[in-house]
Amino acid sequence: MAAVHPRDVLLGPQAGALRLPVCDHYAGVEARMRKSLALQAEWAQRHGACLFDVTLDCEDGAPVGAEAEHAALVVELVRGLDWTAPVPPRVGVRVHPVDHPAFASDVATIVGSVGARLTHLMIPKVESLADVERAVAAVDAAGAPALPLHVLIESPAAVQRAFEIAAHPRVASLSFGLMDFVSAHGGAIPAEAMTLQGQFTHPLVVRAKLEIASAAHAHGKVPAHGVVTEFRDRAAVRQAAERAAREFGFTRMWSIHPDQIEPIVQAFRPPLEEVERAAEIIAAAQAADWAPIAHRGQLHDRASFRYFWQVLERAHATAVALPEPVRRHFS
């Protein structure tokens, strides 16, 4: 079994089998969309990998009454990217909610034109499995039956249904919409729950985050933490990202300003000492044909092998240099 790739041995249908870049950067104004796409290309050239997605935003970006023009602009921007680059772009689009008058035209225009280029379609304000099915039907009719959907959970009712939403095979990621969730409670949750500190301490918000993360992991999907509005405070962004990753189980986070991207990527990187330990354990496990091993006085078997393999995958996805014994698995 030594020649078998660790991923094939260790990962099952759950266990984080689906991986996405740890940062999803949102932009809806034309100048910011162009800047974000250029920044992604610059990072990809520098790191040799795409470390963050760019999601072009129709819901918050389109001026009221000019939704069709904004959708056409999104198509133009996607078509204009360099799809022959060594590291191709990773671009998604957030369309309007399924019950919005512009939803059908968003999907027809964007997915019908550049659906094959998109990494995902973000569906906001998903309330139920029926909303997911409605989105799937529209996307399929537009000619992109394999396009993954990301969904935004923004209400108490949606949180209650998070597990059945996550179970849908076309759903790849669940995101948490903090501000809409708080406002959906009619004043029962104070405004402080939308701040950097409050969103990690208010019991109802904490419960919603844990439900969404748990639902995603239960079905092998990616839980994405929402925005931090203190966008110019890089230390605050990194602190929030670290808490989202280490305390709440999120493996991805939204960015709404270019200054947020680097702190988010850094926060989701595993510590170097953990990467080195993981490399030693995986190399020893593979040499033992995945039988139990002893390492630094501790017993390890396939359960911990799986964990340490995922450490290496997270390291690779965030451009951490991997030790020589395991580097070949990512060539």
C-alpha atoms as a PDB file:
ATOM      1  CA  MET A   1       0.000   0.000   0.000  1.00  0.00           C
ATOM      2  CA  ALA A   2       3.020   2.329   0.230  1.00  0.00           C
ATOM      3  CA  ALA A   3       2.523   3.470  -3.366  1.00  0.00           C
ATOM      4  CA  VAL A   4      -1.101   4.429  -2.804  1.00  0.00           C
ATOM      5  CA  HIS A   5      -1.687   8.162  -2.487  1.00  0.00           C
ATOM      6  CA  PRO A   6      -2.546   9.172   1.109  1.00  0.00           C
ATOM      7  CA  ARG A   7      -5.700  10.924  -0.033  1.00  0.00           C
ATOM      8  CA  ASP A   8      -7.025   7.679  -1.512  1.00  0.00           C
ATOM      9  CA  VAL A   9      -6.295   5.784   1.692  1.00  0.00           C
ATOM     10  CA  LEU A  10      -7.398   8.282   4.306  1.00  0.00           C
ATOM     11  CA  LEU A  11     -10.300  10.382   3.057  1.00  0.00           C
ATOM     12  CA  GLY A  12     -13.886   9.215   2.803  1.00  0.00           C
ATOM     13  CA  PRO A  13     -17.084  10.977   1.692  1.00  0.00           C
ATOM     14  CA  GLN A  14     -16.896  13.289   4.715  1.00  0.00           C
ATOM     15  CA  ALA A  15     -13.572  14.258   6.281  1.00  0.00           C
ATOM     16  CA  GLY A  16     -13.191  17.495   4.361  1.00  0.00           C
ATOM     17  CA  ALA A  17     -12.926  15.714   1.029  1.00  0.00           C
ATOM     18  CA  LEU A  18     -13.907  18.971  -0.725  1.00  0.00           C
ATOM     19  CA  ARG A  19     -11.362  21.773  -0.466  1.00  0.00           C
ATOM     20  CA  LEU A  20     -11.678  25.388  -1.595  1.00  0.00           C
ATOM     21  CA  PRO A  21      -9.328  28.357  -1.205  1.00  0.00           C
ATOM     22  CA  VAL A  22      -9.551  29.648   2.355  1.00  0.00           C
ATOM     23  CA  CYS A  23     -10.550  33.175   1.298  1.00  0.00           C
ATOM     24  CA  ASP A  24     -13.512  34.220  -0.853  1.00  0.00           C
ATOM     25  CA  HIS A  25     -13.159  37.869  -1.873  1.00  0.00           C
ATOM     26  CA  TYR A  26     -16.344  39.760  -2.804  1.00  0.00           C
ATOM     27  CA  ALA A  27     -16.495  42.763  -5.115  1.00  0.00           C
ATOM     28  CA  GLY A  28     -19.518  44.362  -6.769  1.00  0.00           C
ATOM     29  CA  VAL A  29     -18.484  47.804  -8.056  1.00  0.00           C
ATOM     30  CA  GLU A  30     -16.811  47.735 -11.469  1.00  0.00           C
ATOM     31  CA  ALA A  31     -13.535  49.345 -10.372  1.00  0.00           C
ATOM     32  CA  ARG A  32     -13.259  46.981  -7.407  1.00  0.00           C
ATOM     33  CA  MET A  33     -14.143  43.945  -9.483  1.00  0.00           C
ATOM     34  CA  ARG A  34     -11.388  44.767 -11.962  1.00  0.00           C
ATOM     35  CA  LYS A  35      -8.910  45.452  -9.156  1.00  0.00           C
ATOM     36  CA  SER A  36      -9.805  42.196  -7.400  1.00  0.00           C
ATOM     37  CA  LEU A  37      -9.368  40.097 -10.525  1.00  0.00           C
ATOM     38  CA  ALA A  38      -6.009  41.743 -11.222  1.00  0.00           C
ATOM     39  CA  LEU A  39      -4.933  41.123  -7.630  1.00  0.00           C
ATOM     40  CA  GLN A  40      -5.868  37.454  -7.897  1.00  0.00           C
ATOM     41  CA  ALA A  41      -3.750  37.086 -11.029  1.00  0.00           C
ATOM     42  CA  GLU A  42      -0.831  38.833  -9.306  1.00  0.00           C
ATOM     43  CA  TRP A  43      -1.047  36.517  -6.283  1.00  0.00           C
ATOM     44  CA  ALA A  44      -1.326  33.442  -8.514  1.00  0.00           C
ATOM     45  CA  GLN A  45       1.825  34.427 -10.402  1.00  0.00           C
ATOM     46  CA  ARG A  46       3.704  35.107  -7.153  1.00  0.00           C
ATOM     47  CA  HIS A  47       2.654  31.945  -5.306  1.00  0.00           C
ATOM     48  CA  GLY A  48       2.083  29.532  -8.172  1.00  0.00           C
ATOM     49  CA  ALA A  49      -1.407  28.829  -6.879  1.00  0.00           C
ATOM     50  CA  CYS A  50      -4.774  30.542  -6.552  1.00  0.00           C
ATOM     51  CA  LEU A  51      -4.983  31.364  -2.841  1.00  0.00           C
ATOM     52  CA  PHE A  52      -8.348  33.126  -2.919  1.00  0.00           C
ATOM     53  CA  ASP A  53     -11.503  33.089  -4.993  1.00  0.00           C
ATOM     54  CA  VAL A  54     -13.063  36.238  -6.391  1.00  0.00           C
ATOM     55  CA  THR A  55     -16.862  36.381  -6.293  1.00  0.00           C
ATOM     56  CA  LEU A  56     -18.361  39.084  -8.494  1.00  0.00           C
ATOM     57  CA  ASP A  57     -21.422  40.423  -6.727  1.00  0.00           C
ATOM     58  CA  CYS A  58     -24.729  41.076  -8.441  1.00  0.00           C
ATOM     59  CA  GLU A  59     -26.879  41.169  -5.309  1.00  0.00           C
ATOM     60  CA  ASP A  60     -25.190  44.099  -3.569  1.00  0.00           C
ATOM     61  CA  GLY A  61     -23.263  45.372  -6.587  1.00  0.00           C
ATOM     62  CA  ALA A  62     -26.021  45.946  -9.132  1.00  0.00           C
ATOM     63  CA  PRO A  63     -27.731  49.367  -8.989  1.00  0.00           C
ATOM     64  CA  VAL A  64     -31.497  49.095  -8.623  1.00  0.00           C
ATOM     65  CA  GLY A  65     -32.997  49.133 -12.101  1.00  0.00           C
ATOM     66  CA  ALA A  66     -29.675  48.291 -13.771  1.00  0.00           C
ATOM     67  CA  GLU A  67     -29.469  44.612 -12.865  1.00  0.00           C
ATOM     68  CA  ALA A  68     -29.323  43.503 -16.507  1.00  0.00           C
ATOM     69  CA  GLU A  69     -26.475  45.880 -17.294  1.00  0.00           C
ATOM     70  CA  HIS A  70     -24.545  44.696 -14.255  1.00  0.00           C
ATOM     71  CA  ALA A  71     -24.969  41.056 -15.266  1.00  0.00           C
ATOM     72  CA  ALA A  72     -23.665  41.914 -18.728  1.00  0.00           C
ATOM     73  CA  LEU A  73     -20.641  43.604 -17.131  1.00  0.00           C
ATOM     74  CA  VAL A  74     -19.908  40.456 -15.128  1.00  0.00           C
ATOM     75  CA  VAL A  75     -19.956  38.415 -18.333  1.00  0.00           C
ATOM     76  CA  GLU A  76     -17.571  40.882 -19.976  1.00  0.00           C
ATOM     77  CA  LEU A  77     -15.147  40.717 -17.050  1.00  0.00           C
ATOM     78  CA  VAL A  78     -15.121  36.915 -16.939  1.00  0.00           C
ATOM     79  CA  ARG A  79     -14.602  36.643 -20.691  1.00  0.00           C
ATOM     80  CA  GLY A  80     -11.732  39.106 -20.527  1.00  0.00           C
ATOM     81  CA  LEU A  81      -9.628  37.075 -18.097  1.00  0.00           C
ATOM     82  CA  ASP A  82      -6.526  35.171 -19.162  1.00  0.00           C
ATOM     83  CA  TRP A  83      -7.763  31.598 -19.169  1.00  0.00           C
ATOM     84  CA  THR A  84      -4.463  30.338 -20.631  1.00  0.00           C
ATOM     85  CA  ALA A  85      -2.433  31.450 -17.589  1.00  0.00           C
ATOM     86  CA  PRO A  86      -0.381  28.755 -15.788  1.00  0.00           C
ATOM     87  CA  VAL A  87      -2.712  29.248 -12.819  1.00  0.00           C
ATOM     88  CA  PRO A  88      -6.203  29.874 -14.236  1.00  0.00           C
ATOM     89  CA  PRO A  89      -8.525  32.342 -12.507  1.00  0.00           C
ATOM     90  CA  ARG A  90     -11.028  31.168  -9.912  1.00  0.00           C
ATOM     91  CA  VAL A  91     -14.152  33.295 -10.280  1.00  0.00           C
ATOM     92  CA  GLY A  92     -17.650  32.893  -8.903  1.00  0.00           C
ATOM     93  CA  VAL A  93     -20.732  35.095  -9.057  1.00  0.00           C
ATOM     94  CA  ARG A  94     -23.311  36.005  -6.443  1.00  0.00           C
ATOM     95  CA  VAL A  95     -26.683  36.372  -8.140  1.00  0.00           C
ATOM     96  CA  HIS A  96     -29.886  37.758  -6.651  1.00  0.00           C
ATOM     97  CA  PRO A  97     -32.018  35.540  -4.360  1.00  0.00           C
ATOM     98  CA  VAL A  98     -34.285  33.020  -6.060  1.00  0.00           C
ATOM     99  CA  ASP A  99     -37.396  35.086  -5.272  1.00  0.00           C
ATOM    100  CA  HIS A 100     -35.948  38.331  -6.654  1.00  0.00           C
ATOM    101  CA  PRO A 101     -37.232  39.540 -10.046  1.00  0.00           C
ATOM    102  CA  ALA A 102     -33.658  39.654 -11.390  1.00  0.00           C
ATOM    103  CA  PHE A 103     -32.712  36.094 -10.408  1.00  0.00           C
ATOM    104  CA  ALA A 104     -33.835  34.389 -13.614  1.00  0.00           C
ATOM    105  CA  SER A 105     -32.195  36.967 -15.855  1.00  0.00           C
ATOM    106  CA  ASP A 106     -28.977  36.889 -13.777  1.00  0.00           C
ATOM    107  CA  VAL A 107     -28.695  33.151 -14.281  1.00  0.00           C
ATOM    108  CA  ALA A 108     -29.706  33.187 -17.940  1.00  0.00           C
ATOM    109  CA  THR A 109     -27.237  35.964 -18.800  1.00  0.00           C
ATOM    110  CA  ILE A 110     -24.254  34.946 -16.684  1.00  0.00           C
ATOM    111  CA  VAL A 111     -24.473  31.169 -16.484  1.00  0.00           C
ATOM    112  CA  GLY A 112     -25.759  30.950 -20.053  1.00  0.00           C
ATOM    113  CA  SER A 113     -22.721  32.874 -21.276  1.00  0.00           C
ATOM    114  CA  VAL A 114     -19.788  31.971 -19.005  1.00  0.00           C
ATOM    115  CA  GLY A 115     -21.092  29.196 -16.757  1.00  0.00           C
ATOM    116  CA  ALA A 116     -18.329  26.833 -17.842  1.00  0.00           C
ATOM    117  CA  ARG A 117     -15.726  29.322 -16.590  1.00  0.00           C
ATOM    118  CA  LEU A 118     -17.176  29.825 -13.119  1.00  0.00           C
ATOM    119  CA  THR A 119     -15.995  27.989 -10.022  1.00  0.00           C
ATOM    120  CA  HIS A 120     -19.324  28.509  -8.273  1.00  0.00           C
ATOM    121  CA  LEU A 121     -22.585  30.400  -8.136  1.00  0.00           C
ATOM    122  CA  MET A 122     -23.477  31.954  -4.784  1.00  0.00           C
ATOM    123  CA  ILE A 123     -27.191  31.881  -3.964  1.00  0.00           C
ATOM    124  CA  PRO A 124     -28.073  34.355  -1.195  1.00  0.00           C
ATOM    125  CA  LYS A 125     -30.954  34.206   1.284  1.00  0.00           C
ATOM    126  CA  VAL A 126     -31.548  30.484   0.903  1.00  0.00           C
ATOM    127  CA  GLU A 127     -34.374  29.529   3.250  1.00  0.00           C
ATOM    128  CA  SER A 128     -35.045  25.900   2.376  1.00  0.00           C
ATOM    129  CA  LEU A 129     -34.194  22.927   0.231  1.00  0.00           C
ATOM    130  CA  ALA A 130     -36.867  24.140  -2.202  1.00  0.00           C
ATOM    131  CA  ASP A 131     -34.811  27.279  -2.821  1.00  0.00           C
ATOM    132  CA  VAL A 132     -31.788  25.144  -3.657  1.00  0.00           C
ATOM    133  CA  GLU A 133     -33.834  23.025  -6.059  1.00  0.00           C
ATOM    134  CA  ARG A 134     -35.176  26.161  -7.739  1.00  0.00           C
ATOM    135  CA  ALA A 135     -31.629  27.457  -8.201  1.00  0.00           C
ATOM    136  CA  VAL A 136     -30.427  24.103  -9.538  1.00  0.00           C
ATOM    137  CA  ALA A 137     -33.256  24.012 -12.077  1.00  0.00           C
ATOM    138  CA  ALA A 138     -32.395  27.498 -13.322  1.00  0.00           C
ATOM    139  CA  VAL A 139     -28.675  26.788 -13.557  1.00  0.00           C
ATOM    140  CA  ASP A 140     -29.258  23.498 -15.357  1.00  0.00           C
ATOM    141  CA  ALA A 141     -31.648  25.174 -17.807  1.00  0.00           C
ATOM    142  CA  ALA A 142     -28.930  27.749 -18.517  1.00  0.00           C
ATOM    143  CA  GLY A 143     -26.590  24.944 -19.588  1.00  0.00           C
ATOM    144  CA  ALA A 144     -24.317  24.389 -16.560  1.00  0.00           C
ATOM    145  CA  PRO A 145     -25.473  21.146 -14.890  1.00  0.00           C
ATOM    146  CA  ALA A 146     -22.111  20.658 -13.152  1.00  0.00           C
ATOM    147  CA  LEU A 147     -21.740  24.176 -11.725  1.00  0.00           C
ATOM    148  CA  PRO A 148     -21.399  23.985  -7.903  1.00  0.00           C
ATOM    149  CA  LEU A 149     -23.670  26.142  -5.778  1.00  0.00           C
ATOM    150  CA  HIS A 150     -22.644  28.012  -2.659  1.00  0.00           C
ATOM    151  CA  VAL A 151     -25.501  29.072  -0.407  1.00  0.00           C
ATOM    152  CA  LEU A 152     -25.826  31.904   2.087  1.00  0.00           C
ATOM    153  CA  ILE A 153     -27.682  31.119   5.319  1.00  0.00           C
ATOM    154  CA  GLU A 154     -29.133  34.361   6.703  1.00  0.00           C
ATOM    155  CA  SER A 155     -32.174  33.618   8.879  1.00  0.00           C
ATOM    156  CA  PRO A 156     -33.200  31.507  11.894  1.00  0.00           C
ATOM    157  CA  ALA A 157     -35.377  29.305   9.674  1.00  0.00           C
ATOM    158  CA  ALA A 158     -32.492  28.681   7.288  1.00  0.00           C
ATOM    159  CA  VAL A 159     -30.212  27.757  10.196  1.00  0.00           C
ATOM    160  CA  GLN A 160     -32.815  25.215  11.320  1.00  0.00           C
ATOM    161  CA  ARG A 161     -32.693  23.620   7.841  1.00  0.00           C
ATOM    162  CA  ALA A 162     -28.918  23.848   7.391  1.00  0.00           C
ATOM    163  CA  PHE A 163     -28.340  20.084   7.507  1.00  0.00           C
ATOM    164  CA  GLU A 164     -30.820  19.250   4.744  1.00  0.00           C
ATOM    165  CA  ILE A 165     -29.521  22.158   2.640  1.00  0.00           C
ATOM    166  CA  ALA A 166     -25.943  20.950   3.071  1.00  0.00           C
ATOM    167  CA  ALA A 167     -26.963  17.435   2.036  1.00  0.00           C
ATOM    168  CA  HIS A 168     -27.901  18.527  -1.490  1.00  0.00           C
ATOM    169  CA  PRO A 169     -25.278  17.152  -3.917  1.00  0.00           C
ATOM    170  CA  ARG A 170     -24.920  20.445  -5.829  1.00  0.00           C
ATOM    171  CA  VAL A 171     -24.218  22.479  -2.696  1.00  0.00           C
ATOM    172  CA  ALA A 172     -20.469  22.802  -2.165  1.00  0.00           C
ATOM    173  CA  SER A 173     -20.332  25.433   0.570  1.00  0.00           C
ATOM    174  CA  LEU A 174     -22.473  27.071   3.258  1.00  0.00           C
ATOM    175  CA  SER A 175     -21.825  30.685   4.301  1.00  0.00           C
ATOM    176  CA  PHE A 176     -23.207  32.573   7.279  1.00  0.00           C
ATOM    177  CA  GLY A 177     -24.810  35.985   6.724  1.00  0.00           C
ATOM    178  CA  LEU A 178     -24.314  37.654  10.101  1.00  0.00           C
ATOM    179  CA  MET A 179     -26.028  41.010   9.630  1.00  0.00           C
ATOM    180  CA  ASP A 180     -29.151  39.642   7.997  1.00  0.00           C
ATOM    181  CA  PHE A 181     -29.325  36.943  10.666  1.00  0.00           C
ATOM    182  CA  VAL A 182     -29.205  39.521  13.462  1.00  0.00           C
ATOM    183  CA  SER A 183     -31.754  41.808  11.826  1.00  0.00           C
ATOM    184  CA  ALA A 184     -34.075  38.838  11.211  1.00  0.00           C
ATOM    185  CA  HIS A 185     -34.637  38.659  14.970  1.00  0.00           C
ATOM    186  CA  GLY A 186     -36.603  41.910  15.111  1.00  0.00           C
ATOM    187  CA  GLY A 187     -34.399  43.583  17.685  1.00  0.00           C
ATOM    188  CA  ALA A 188     -34.089  40.578  19.976  1.00  0.00           C
ATOM    189  CA  ILE A 189     -30.351  40.441  19.257  1.00  0.00           C
ATOM    190  CA  PRO A 190     -28.484  43.705  19.957  1.00  0.00           C
ATOM    191  CA  ALA A 191     -26.408  45.526  17.365  1.00  0.00           C
ATOM    192  CA  GLU A 192     -23.261  44.624  19.305  1.00  0.00           C
ATOM    193  CA  ALA A 193     -23.684  41.054  18.031  1.00  0.00           C
ATOM    194  CA  MET A 194     -22.628  42.292  14.593  1.00  0.00           C
ATOM    195  CA  THR A 195     -19.276  43.585  15.846  1.00  0.00           C
ATOM    196  CA  LEU A 196     -15.947  41.809  15.873  1.00  0.00           C
ATOM    197  CA  GLN A 197     -16.272  40.730  19.506  1.00  0.00           C
ATOM    198  CA  GLY A 198     -20.036  40.366  19.774  1.00  0.00           C
ATOM    199  CA  GLN A 199     -20.430  37.935  16.895  1.00  0.00           C
ATOM    200  CA  PHE A 200     -18.255  35.420  18.738  1.00  0.00           C
ATOM    201  CA  THR A 201     -19.995  35.752  22.097  1.00  0.00           C
ATOM    202  CA  HIS A 202     -23.755  36.262  21.625  1.00  0.00           C
ATOM    203  CA  PRO A 203     -25.366  32.840  22.262  1.00  0.00           C
ATOM    204  CA  LEU A 204     -27.800  32.895  19.317  1.00  0.00           C
ATOM    205  CA  VAL A 205     -25.106  33.961  16.850  1.00  0.00           C
ATOM    206  CA  VAL A 206     -22.659  31.421  18.239  1.00  0.00           C
ATOM    207  CA  ARG A 207     -25.300  28.700  17.960  1.00  0.00           C
ATOM    208  CA  ALA A 208     -26.024  29.634  14.318  1.00  0.00           C
ATOM    209  CA  LYS A 209     -22.348  29.520  13.386  1.00  0.00           C
ATOM    210  CA  LEU A 210     -21.880  26.140  15.032  1.00  0.00           C
ATOM    211  CA  GLU A 211     -24.971  24.707  13.323  1.00  0.00           C
ATOM    212  CA  ILE A 212     -23.788  25.862   9.905  1.00  0.00           C
ATOM    213  CA  ALA A 213     -20.251  24.578  10.396  1.00  0.00           C
ATOM    214  CA  SER A 214     -21.536  21.262  11.739  1.00  0.00           C
ATOM    215  CA  ALA A 215     -24.009  20.838   8.864  1.00  0.00           C
ATOM    216  CA  ALA A 216     -21.294  21.482   6.298  1.00  0.00           C
ATOM    217  CA  HIS A 217     -18.848  19.036   7.872  1.00  0.00           C
ATOM    218  CA  ALA A 218     -21.552  16.394   8.247  1.00  0.00           C
ATOM    219  CA  HIS A 219     -21.894  16.280   4.463  1.00  0.00           C
ATOM    220  CA  GLY A 220     -18.289  16.922   3.419  1.00  0.00           C
ATOM    221  CA  LYS A 221     -18.968  20.520   2.367  1.00  0.00           C
ATOM    222  CA  VAL A 222     -17.054  23.738   3.095  1.00  0.00           C
ATOM    223  CA  PRO A 223     -18.289  26.069   5.865  1.00  0.00           C
ATOM    224  CA  ALA A 224     -17.462  29.710   5.082  1.00  0.00           C
ATOM    225  CA  HIS A 225     -17.408  32.388   7.758  1.00  0.00           C
ATOM    226  CA  GLY A 226     -18.933  35.743   6.857  1.00  0.00           C
ATOM    227  CA  VAL A 227     -17.579  39.251   6.779  1.00  0.00           C
ATOM    228  CA  VAL A 228     -15.789  41.378   9.349  1.00  0.00           C
ATOM    229  CA  THR A 229     -16.872  44.980   8.872  1.00  0.00           C
ATOM    230  CA  GLU A 230     -13.760  46.407  10.566  1.00  0.00           C
ATOM    231  CA  PHE A 231     -12.108  45.971   7.195  1.00  0.00           C
ATOM    232  CA  ARG A 232      -9.130  48.322   7.636  1.00  0.00           C
ATOM    233  CA  ASP A 233      -8.001  46.743  10.909  1.00  0.00           C
ATOM    234  CA  ARG A 234      -5.806  43.887   9.699  1.00  0.00           C
ATOM    235  CA  ALA A 235      -5.137  42.627  13.223  1.00  0.00           C
ATOM    236  CA  ALA A 236      -8.870  42.486  13.918  1.00  0.00           C
ATOM    237  CA  VAL A 237      -9.506  40.595  10.683  1.00  0.00           C
ATOM    238  CA  ARG A 238      -6.810  38.069  11.496  1.00  0.00           C
ATOM    239  CA  GLN A 239      -8.140  37.642  15.033  1.00  0.00           C
ATOM    240  CA  ALA A 240     -11.637  36.968  13.712  1.00  0.00           C
ATOM    241  CA  ALA A 241     -10.344  34.536  11.097  1.00  0.00           C
ATOM    242  CA  GLU A 242      -8.334  32.654  13.701  1.00  0.00           C
ATOM    243  CA  ARG A 243     -11.369  32.324  15.960  1.00  0.00           C
ATOM    244  CA  ALA A 244     -13.556  31.240  13.050  1.00  0.00           C
ATOM    245  CA  ALA A 245     -11.050  28.541  12.122  1.00  0.00           C
ATOM    246  CA  ARG A 246      -9.905  27.314  15.526  1.00  0.00           C
ATOM    247  CA  GLU A 247     -13.021  27.673  17.667  1.00  0.00           C
ATOM    248  CA  PHE A 248     -15.911  27.373  15.202  1.00  0.00           C
ATOM    249  CA  GLY A 249     -14.664  24.924  12.574  1.00  0.00           C
ATOM    250  CA  PHE A 250     -14.837  27.174   9.513  1.00  0.00           C
ATOM    251  CA  THR A 251     -12.394  26.402   6.704  1.00  0.00           C
ATOM    252  CA  ARG A 252     -13.046  29.467   4.546  1.00  0.00           C
ATOM    253  CA  MET A 253     -13.891  33.129   5.125  1.00  0.00           C
ATOM    254  CA  TRP A 254     -15.253  36.084   3.182  1.00  0.00           C
ATOM    255  CA  SER A 255     -13.218  39.172   2.391  1.00  0.00           C
ATOM    256  CA  ILE A 256     -14.842  42.484   1.431  1.00  0.00           C
ATOM    257  CA  HIS A 257     -11.682  44.570   1.048  1.00  0.00           C
ATOM    258  CA  PRO A 258      -8.291  43.706  -0.491  1.00  0.00           C
ATOM    259  CA  ASP A 259      -6.601  44.461   2.849  1.00  0.00           C
ATOM    260  CA  GLN A 260      -8.486  41.544   4.403  1.00  0.00           C
ATOM    261  CA  ILE A 261      -7.196  38.853   2.066  1.00  0.00           C
ATOM    262  CA  GLU A 262      -3.694  38.379   3.452  1.00  0.00           C
ATOM    263  CA  PRO A 263      -4.731  38.273   7.149  1.00  0.00           C
ATOM    264  CA  ILE A 264      -7.389  35.672   6.318  1.00  0.00           C
ATOM    265  CA  VAL A 265      -4.954  33.469   4.385  1.00  0.00           C
ATOM    266  CA  GLN A 266      -2.388  33.764   7.184  1.00  0.00           C
ATOM    267  CA  ALA A 267      -4.953  32.907   9.854  1.00  0.00           C
ATOM    268  CA  PHE A 268      -6.030  29.726   8.084  1.00  0.00           C
ATOM    269  CA  ARG A 269      -2.463  28.490   7.615  1.00  0.00           C
ATOM    270  CA  PRO A 270      -1.508  25.662  10.001  1.00  0.00           C
ATOM    271  CA  PRO A 271       1.490  26.472  12.229  1.00  0.00           C
ATOM    272  CA  LEU A 272       4.851  25.419  10.798  1.00  0.00           C
ATOM    273  CA  GLU A 273       5.585  23.103  13.711  1.00  0.00           C
ATOM    274  CA  GLU A 274       2.304  21.282  13.078  1.00  0.00           C
ATOM    275  CA  VAL A 275       3.143  20.968   9.372  1.00  0.00           C
ATOM    276  CA  GLU A 276       6.529  19.460  10.225  1.00  0.00           C
ATOM    277  CA  ARG A 277       4.950  17.031  12.701  1.00  0.00           C
ATOM    278  CA  ALA A 278       2.298  16.064  10.131  1.00  0.00           C
ATOM    279  CA  ALA A 279       4.937  15.393   7.491  1.00  0.00           C
ATOM    280  CA  GLU A 280       6.872  13.106   9.843  1.00  0.00           C
ATOM    281  CA  ILE A 281       3.760  11.149  10.807  1.00  0.00           C
ATOM    282  CA  ILE A 282       2.473  10.707   7.246  1.00  0.00           C
ATOM    283  CA  ALA A 283       5.896   9.626   5.972  1.00  0.00           C
ATOM    284  CA  ALA A 284       6.216   7.079   8.785  1.00  0.00           C
ATOM    285  CA  ALA A 285       2.652   5.845   8.298  1.00  0.00           C
ATOM    286  CA  GLN A 286       3.134   5.321   4.592  1.00  0.00           C
ATOM    287  CA  ALA A 287       6.397   3.458   5.234  1.00  0.00           C
ATOM    288  CA  ALA A 288       4.430   1.191   7.585  1.00  0.00           C
ATOM    289  CA  ASP A 289       1.723   0.569   4.964  1.00  0.00           C
ATOM    290  CA  TRP A 290      -0.673   2.640   7.119  1.00  0.00           C
ATOM    291  CA  ALA A 291      -0.451   0.312  10.110  1.00  0.00           C
ATOM    292  CA  PRO A 292      -0.360   1.983  13.569  1.00  0.00           C
ATOM    293  CA  ILE A 293       2.915   3.716  14.428  1.00  0.00           C
ATOM    294  CA  ALA A 294       4.559   5.356  17.440  1.00  0.00           C
ATOM    295  CA  HIS A 295       5.760   8.939  17.008  1.00  0.00           C
ATOM    296  CA  ARG A 296       7.371  11.030  19.743  1.00  0.00           C
ATOM    297  CA  GLY A 297       5.939   8.718  22.385  1.00  0.00           C
ATOM    298  CA  GLN A 298       2.363   8.743  21.035  1.00  0.00           C
ATOM    299  CA  LEU A 299       0.421   6.039  19.210  1.00  0.00           C
ATOM    300  CA  HIS A 300      -1.129   6.991  15.857  1.00  0.00           C
ATOM    301  CA  ASP A 301      -3.459   5.087  13.555  1.00  0.00           C
ATOM    302  CA  ARG A 302      -5.627   5.919  10.555  1.00  0.00           C
ATOM    303  CA  ALA A 303      -7.839   8.299  12.495  1.00  0.00           C
ATOM    304  CA  SER A 304      -4.918  10.569  13.378  1.00  0.00           C
ATOM    305  CA  PHE A 305      -3.235   9.897  10.013  1.00  0.00           C
ATOM    306  CA  ARG A 306      -6.289  11.430   8.403  1.00  0.00           C
ATOM    307  CA  TYR A 307      -6.081  14.513  10.603  1.00  0.00           C
ATOM    308  CA  PHE A 308      -2.391  15.084   9.863  1.00  0.00           C
ATOM    309  CA  TRP A 309      -2.900  14.541   6.145  1.00  0.00           C
ATOM    310  CA  GLN A 310      -5.498  17.297   6.228  1.00  0.00           C
ATOM    311  CA  VAL A 311      -2.956  19.556   7.943  1.00  0.00           C
ATOM    312  CA  LEU A 312      -0.693  19.035   4.948  1.00  0.00           C
ATOM    313  CA  GLU A 313      -3.515  19.748   2.517  1.00  0.00           C
ATOM    314  CA  ARG A 314      -4.328  22.997   4.328  1.00  0.00           C
ATOM    315  CA  ALA A 315      -0.663  23.937   4.271  1.00  0.00           C
ATOM    316  CA  HIS A 316      -0.397  23.291   0.555  1.00  0.00           C
ATOM    317  CA  ALA A 317      -3.582  25.252  -0.156  1.00  0.00           C
ATOM    318  CA  THR A 318      -2.201  28.289   1.676  1.00  0.00           C
ATOM    319  CA  ALA A 319       1.250  28.218   0.047  1.00  0.00           C
ATOM    320  CA  VAL A 320       3.200  26.834   3.008  1.00  0.00           C
ATOM    321  CA  ALA A 321       6.431  25.129   1.905  1.00  0.00           C
ATOM    322  CA  LEU A 322       6.069  21.423   2.622  1.00  0.00           C
ATOM    323  CA  PRO A 323       8.889  19.223   3.982  1.00  0.00           C
ATOM    324  CA  GLU A 324      10.630  17.010   1.459  1.00  0.00           C
ATOM    325  CA  PRO A 325       9.184  13.615   2.550  1.00  0.00           C
ATOM    326  CA  VAL A 326       5.618  14.646   1.615  1.00  0.00           C
ATOM    327  CA  ARG A 327       6.172  17.280  -1.076  1.00  0.00           C
ATOM    328  CA  ARG A 328       5.917  14.725  -3.856  1.00  0.00           C
ATOM    329  CA  HIS A 329       2.275  14.032  -2.988  1.00  0.00           C
ATOM    330  CA  PHE A 330       1.391  17.559  -4.147  1.00  0.00           C
ATOM    331  CA  SER A 331       3.430  17.756  -7.333  1.00  0.00           C
END
